[in-house]
Amino acid sequence: MKKVLFLIHDLGQGGAEKVLVNLVNNMDRSKFDISVTVLFGGGVNEQFLAPDIHFRAVFPKEVPGNSKLMKLLTPTQLHRMCVKEHYDIEVSYLEGPSARIISGCQGATTKLVSWIHVEQHTIERLAGSFRNQREARECYNRFDQTVCVSQYVYDDFCRILNFQKPCRVLYNTVESEKILAKANDAVSELMNDGKIRLMAVGTLKESKGYMRLLSIIKRLQDKNYPVHLYILGIGPLQPEMERYIQTNNLQGAVTLLGYQTNPYKYVAKCDLFVCASYAEGFSTAATEALIVGTPVCTVEVSGMKEMLGENNEYGLVVENNEEALYQGIKKLLDAPELLKHYKKKAEERGKMFSTEKTVRVVEVMLISLGGQ
């Protein structure tokens, strides 16, 4: 049996955090003894970990300025502080701080895995959690296996570092059967106002593109399109979003639903899922939308063309700017038959995201690493 540690910053509301819980909960316990360690406890996804997963938080809650504080210590010093046992395999499940810590492992027989979730575009951004670019390169080169969640992320990561170590693409794990079951739950918060329901899901932060999405809703309302946008998530951008909604009289066109433990019942009852993000890895929320049969309109970010097809077979991918997204949404609103077509294609595409398949390829990869 392999003793495996997954290290992640926290188990908050983000996509990577949710996917990690999905993965470890479904791994074969006869083959793996699984531990999950978070740097900072209190995340909403902790409650969903299976009871036989060994869970530990290094700190009970997030420490202000932690990224700067961590740079005061070397990766080896951080590893000694954060990892208290010997493992056959140690996995950094996010780029940045987790990777820096796991790279400090001194165990001669321990195999190291780095999971990259988001495209980073520049060496400056990639090295942001490290002391400098040289340290970032040295740390990532210490891993025996690097995993990227999409081909786009793979190409981006390997290009930036001119990466020559083993690296591969493995898609995220989603619990498709549970998602479909929960999608049937009743919902009272969605209004029966006769409007076309748009849905966006994710942490309320700048990178998710919510301000430009609100601007699009205002433009559609000004042209008398009967739309109502629902947003699932919490985050630091919420006050600014609320001010924009108030100032532009969008109270009847935008509803912030906050964080929900069952987002699927909301997404399933909407007419269109919209992604306005400036960057993604392999969007968990968009994947879940397809599984419940909700059409997707998205700007082009990592993974979307892999998910929806190079020629928009399974959903609509537009250029990553506000005008293109506005025109894309408007195109679907103007063509109900096209929206209906993409609903059928979403249901079809959603069937490719098998929990068992995505988990098994991860298990095979981990076993192939060996380790004592």
Foldseek 3Di string as FASTA:
>chain_A
DFEEEEEEQELADADLSQLVQLQVQPFDPVQYQAEYEHQEYDHPCVVSHPPSHHYYYLYPHDDPPVLVVPQVDALLVLLVSGPPDDGQEYEHSEQAPSLRNQLNDPDPQHAYEYEYWWQQQELCRSCVSYPDSVSSLSSVVSHQEYEAQFVVNVVRVCVRNVDDHHYYYFHTFDALVVLQVLLPDDDDPDDPPVAAEEEEEDAPDVQQPVVLVVVLQLVCVVVVHRAAYEYEHYYDCVVVVVVSCVVSVCPVRYYYPYHDPRCSNVLLPGLEYETLGPMTRQDPVLLSSLSSLHAYEYEDYGNPCVQQPPVRNQHHYFHNDSVRSSVRVVVCSVPVVVSVNNSVSSNVSSVVNHNVVSNVVVVVVVVVVPGD
